[in-house]
C-alpha atoms as a PDB file:
ATOM      1  CA  MET A   1     -31.459   4.621  -5.362  1.00  0.00           C
ATOM      2  CA  THR A   2     -29.192   6.634  -7.644  1.00  0.00           C
ATOM      3  CA  PHE A   3     -26.354   8.773  -6.355  1.00  0.00           C
ATOM      4  CA  SER A   4     -24.793  11.754  -8.062  1.00  0.00           C
ATOM      5  CA  ALA A   5     -21.096  11.660  -8.929  1.00  0.00           C
ATOM      6  CA  THR A   6     -20.393  13.933  -5.944  1.00  0.00           C
ATOM      7  CA  GLU A   7     -22.355  11.666  -3.593  1.00  0.00           C
ATOM      8  CA  GLN A   8     -20.587   8.582  -4.964  1.00  0.00           C
ATOM      9  CA  GLN A   9     -17.200  10.212  -4.417  1.00  0.00           C
ATOM     10  CA  ALA A  10     -18.159  11.170  -0.849  1.00  0.00           C
ATOM     11  CA  ILE A  11     -19.202   7.566  -0.145  1.00  0.00           C
ATOM     12  CA  LEU A  12     -15.923   6.252  -1.588  1.00  0.00           C
ATOM     13  CA  ASN A  13     -13.888   8.783   0.420  1.00  0.00           C
ATOM     14  CA  LYS A  14     -15.659   7.707   3.625  1.00  0.00           C
ATOM     15  CA  GLN A  15     -15.035   4.027   2.825  1.00  0.00           C
ATOM     16  CA  VAL A  16     -11.326   4.677   2.200  1.00  0.00           C
ATOM     17  CA  GLN A  17     -11.127   6.532   5.529  1.00  0.00           C
ATOM     18  CA  ASP A  18     -12.783   3.586   7.312  1.00  0.00           C
ATOM     19  CA  TRP A  19     -10.524   1.027   5.626  1.00  0.00           C
ATOM     20  CA  THR A  20      -7.425   3.115   6.375  1.00  0.00           C
ATOM     21  CA  ARG A  21      -8.409   3.339  10.037  1.00  0.00           C
ATOM     22  CA  GLU A  22      -8.808  -0.461  10.123  1.00  0.00           C
ATOM     23  CA  LEU A  23      -5.442  -0.965   8.385  1.00  0.00           C
ATOM     24  CA  LYS A  24      -3.793   1.253  11.012  1.00  0.00           C
ATOM     25  CA  ARG A  25      -5.344  -0.897  13.744  1.00  0.00           C
ATOM     26  CA  VAL A  26      -4.078  -4.077  12.067  1.00  0.00           C
ATOM     27  CA  ALA A  27      -0.647  -2.476  11.550  1.00  0.00           C
ATOM     28  CA  ASP A  28      -0.442  -1.828  15.295  1.00  0.00           C
ATOM     29  CA  LEU A  29      -1.273  -5.482  15.930  1.00  0.00           C
ATOM     30  CA  ILE A  30       1.391  -6.662  13.454  1.00  0.00           C
ATOM     31  CA  ALA A  31       4.027  -4.369  14.947  1.00  0.00           C
ATOM     32  CA  ALA A  32       3.203  -5.600  18.449  1.00  0.00           C
ATOM     33  CA  ALA A  33       3.304  -9.256  17.341  1.00  0.00           C
ATOM     34  CA  LYS A  34       6.688  -8.766  15.651  1.00  0.00           C
ATOM     35  CA  GLY A  35       7.984  -7.500  18.982  1.00  0.00           C
ATOM     36  CA  GLY A  36      10.159  -4.810  17.470  1.00  0.00           C
ATOM     37  CA  ASN A  37      10.074  -1.551  15.660  1.00  0.00           C
ATOM     38  CA  CYS A  38       8.873  -1.645  12.091  1.00  0.00           C
ATOM     39  CA  ALA A  39       7.395   0.819   9.644  1.00  0.00           C
ATOM     40  CA  LEU A  40       4.154  -0.232   8.016  1.00  0.00           C
ATOM     41  CA  VAL A  41       3.223   2.211   5.294  1.00  0.00           C
ATOM     42  CA  MET A  42       0.688   2.786   2.557  1.00  0.00           C
ATOM     43  CA  ILE A  43       2.064   4.498  -0.529  1.00  0.00           C
ATOM     44  CA  SER A  44      -0.263   6.087  -3.059  1.00  0.00           C
ATOM     45  CA  SER A  45       0.899   7.906  -6.149  1.00  0.00           C
ATOM     46  CA  ASN A  46      -0.479  11.325  -7.010  1.00  0.00           C
ATOM     47  CA  ASP A  47       0.729  10.889 -10.589  1.00  0.00           C
ATOM     48  CA  ALA A  48      -1.791   9.689 -13.182  1.00  0.00           C
ATOM     49  CA  ASP A  49       1.045   7.863 -14.956  1.00  0.00           C
ATOM     50  CA  TYR A  50       1.019   5.313 -12.106  1.00  0.00           C
ATOM     51  CA  SER A  51      -2.648   4.329 -12.522  1.00  0.00           C
ATOM     52  CA  ASP A  52      -1.778   0.985 -14.131  1.00  0.00           C
ATOM     53  CA  VAL A  53       1.599   0.322 -12.460  1.00  0.00           C
ATOM     54  CA  ALA A  54       2.091  -2.786 -10.289  1.00  0.00           C
ATOM     55  CA  PRO A  55       2.367  -2.120  -6.534  1.00  0.00           C
ATOM     56  CA  GLU A  56       5.911  -3.542  -6.507  1.00  0.00           C
ATOM     57  CA  LEU A  57       7.092  -0.879  -8.953  1.00  0.00           C
ATOM     58  CA  ILE A  58       5.299   1.913  -7.088  1.00  0.00           C
ATOM     59  CA  LEU A  59       7.071   0.831  -3.905  1.00  0.00           C
ATOM     60  CA  GLU A  60      10.463   0.654  -5.626  1.00  0.00           C
ATOM     61  CA  ASP A  61       9.999   4.091  -7.175  1.00  0.00           C
ATOM     62  CA  ALA A  62       8.743   5.681  -3.947  1.00  0.00           C
ATOM     63  CA  LEU A  63      11.685   4.299  -1.957  1.00  0.00           C
ATOM     64  CA  ARG A  64      14.078   4.995  -4.830  1.00  0.00           C
ATOM     65  CA  VAL A  65      15.461   1.468  -4.828  1.00  0.00           C
ATOM     66  CA  ASN A  66      18.695   1.574  -6.756  1.00  0.00           C
ATOM     67  CA  PRO A  67      19.714  -0.932  -9.447  1.00  0.00           C
ATOM     68  CA  HIS A  68      21.453  -3.020  -6.784  1.00  0.00           C
ATOM     69  CA  GLY A  69      18.179  -3.976  -5.101  1.00  0.00           C
ATOM     70  CA  TRP A  70      16.814  -3.522  -1.624  1.00  0.00           C
ATOM     71  CA  PRO A  71      19.162  -2.251   1.087  1.00  0.00           C
ATOM     72  CA  ALA A  72      20.756  -4.943   3.242  1.00  0.00           C
ATOM     73  CA  GLY A  73      19.479  -5.283   6.778  1.00  0.00           C
ATOM     74  CA  PHE A  74      15.790  -4.757   6.048  1.00  0.00           C
ATOM     75  CA  SER A  75      12.938  -7.197   5.582  1.00  0.00           C
ATOM     76  CA  ILE A  76      10.505  -5.937   2.938  1.00  0.00           C
ATOM     77  CA  ASP A  77       7.003  -7.456   2.824  1.00  0.00           C
ATOM     78  CA  LEU A  78       4.641  -5.966   0.258  1.00  0.00           C
ATOM     79  CA  LEU A  79       1.134  -6.867   1.411  1.00  0.00           C
ATOM     80  CA  ASN A  80      -0.654  -6.279  -1.884  1.00  0.00           C
ATOM     81  CA  GLN A  81       1.549  -7.943  -4.470  1.00  0.00           C
ATOM     82  CA  SER A  82       0.384  -7.934  -8.040  1.00  0.00           C
ATOM     83  CA  THR A  83      -1.098 -11.142  -9.413  1.00  0.00           C
ATOM     84  CA  TRP A  84       1.981 -11.616 -11.615  1.00  0.00           C
ATOM     85  CA  SER A  85       4.334 -11.487  -8.595  1.00  0.00           C
ATOM     86  CA  ARG A  86       2.276 -13.962  -6.592  1.00  0.00           C
ATOM     87  CA  LYS A  87       2.477 -16.462  -9.441  1.00  0.00           C
ATOM     88  CA  SER A  88       6.255 -16.095  -9.769  1.00  0.00           C
ATOM     89  CA  THR A  89       7.127 -16.463  -6.065  1.00  0.00           C
END
């Protein structure tokens, strides 16, 4: 069965909606297990220049991390680290 580009995009959009719903459910479970308030977010860039940028750099740019690093007093866990970061940690 062959799908048109429009049909393929509709299928992908539906899948992303389903996955996002599941991630929200899992995020609720993680927050409850941690026993405290936490913000679990998904950050997507609308800029085509970010299409090949590692998730770590997207996160840093979105949160405007300054040259001094992450703010003190917060625990930052990026769930989808790039392959390069996983090898270096």
